[in-house]
Amino acid sequence: MKQQRCDEFGWARWLHPGEAETLLPKWLELRTGNLFDAEPRWRDLDGEHHPALVRGGPVRGELGAFTA
């Protein structure tokens, strides 16, 4: 599988630079059907980074197959 980076998902401009290394592997685990919780720091409209609770889960189609 191709090595992916957070900037390929459009996160880079909002995600604190120190968070990408821990958040991306959790995000990629969605493909295995796992859920994840994380508390990365995101840049707000004020330009400052603030913690935010992020919960992710796989998206499944009508027949239960992973779609996103």
Protein backbone atom coordinates (compact mmCIF):
# COMPACT_ATOMS: atom_id res chain seq x y z
CA MET A 1 0.00 0.00 0.00
CA LYS A 2 1.23 3.49 -0.84
CA GLN A 3 2.50 5.53 2.12
CA GLN A 4 -0.05 8.30 2.73
CA ARG A 5 0.31 11.66 4.42
CA CYS A 6 -2.24 13.86 6.13
CA ASP A 7 -1.80 16.59 3.52
CA GLU A 8 -3.17 14.17 0.90
CA PHE A 9 -6.47 14.21 2.81
CA GLY A 10 -6.53 18.03 3.07
CA TRP A 11 -5.77 18.04 6.79
CA ALA A 12 -2.31 19.61 6.71
CA ARG A 13 -3.39 23.23 6.90
CA TRP A 14 -5.62 22.62 9.94
CA LEU A 15 -3.86 19.86 11.89
CA HIS A 16 -1.08 20.77 14.31
CA PRO A 17 2.21 19.58 12.71
CA GLY A 18 3.03 17.41 15.72
CA GLU A 19 -0.23 15.45 15.47
CA ALA A 20 0.03 13.94 11.98
CA GLU A 21 2.37 11.15 13.03
CA THR A 22 -0.12 9.73 15.56
CA LEU A 23 -3.42 10.57 13.84
CA LEU A 24 -2.76 9.16 10.36
CA PRO A 25 -2.22 5.52 11.46
CA LYS A 26 -5.50 5.66 13.40
CA TRP A 27 -7.27 7.10 10.37
CA LEU A 28 -5.90 4.37 8.12
CA GLU A 29 -7.16 1.70 10.56
CA LEU A 30 -10.70 2.61 9.51
CA ARG A 31 -10.05 0.45 6.46
CA THR A 32 -9.86 -2.56 8.77
CA GLY A 33 -13.25 -1.77 10.27
CA ASN A 34 -11.88 -0.41 13.55
CA LEU A 35 -13.20 2.70 15.28
CA PHE A 36 -10.89 5.32 16.69
CA ASP A 37 -10.93 8.21 19.13
CA ALA A 38 -8.26 10.88 19.20
CA GLU A 39 -7.78 14.36 20.58
CA PRO A 40 -5.56 16.17 18.06
CA ARG A 41 -5.00 19.90 18.01
CA TRP A 42 -6.60 21.71 15.06
CA ARG A 43 -6.00 25.28 13.95
CA ASP A 44 -9.10 27.36 14.49
CA LEU A 45 -10.13 30.47 12.60
CA ASP A 46 -8.24 32.49 15.23
CA GLY A 47 -5.00 30.87 14.00
CA GLU A 48 -4.39 29.05 17.30
CA HIS A 49 -4.37 25.28 17.75
CA HIS A 50 -7.04 23.84 20.05
CA PRO A 51 -7.71 20.23 21.08
CA ALA A 52 -10.75 18.59 19.53
CA LEU A 53 -12.27 15.19 20.13
CA VAL A 54 -12.30 13.21 16.90
CA ARG A 55 -14.17 9.93 16.54
CA GLY A 56 -14.02 7.93 13.35
CA GLY A 57 -15.68 4.84 12.05
CA PRO A 58 -15.81 3.05 8.71
CA VAL A 59 -18.58 3.77 6.22
CA ARG A 60 -20.28 0.66 4.93
CA GLY A 61 -22.51 0.21 1.93
CA GLU A 62 -25.89 -1.44 1.70
CA LEU A 63 -24.38 -4.95 1.84
CA GLY A 64 -22.01 -4.12 4.69
CA ALA A 65 -18.90 -3.74 2.55
CA PHE A 66 -16.41 -1.02 3.45
CA THR A 67 -16.85 2.02 1.16
CA ALA A 68 -14.87 4.82 2.85
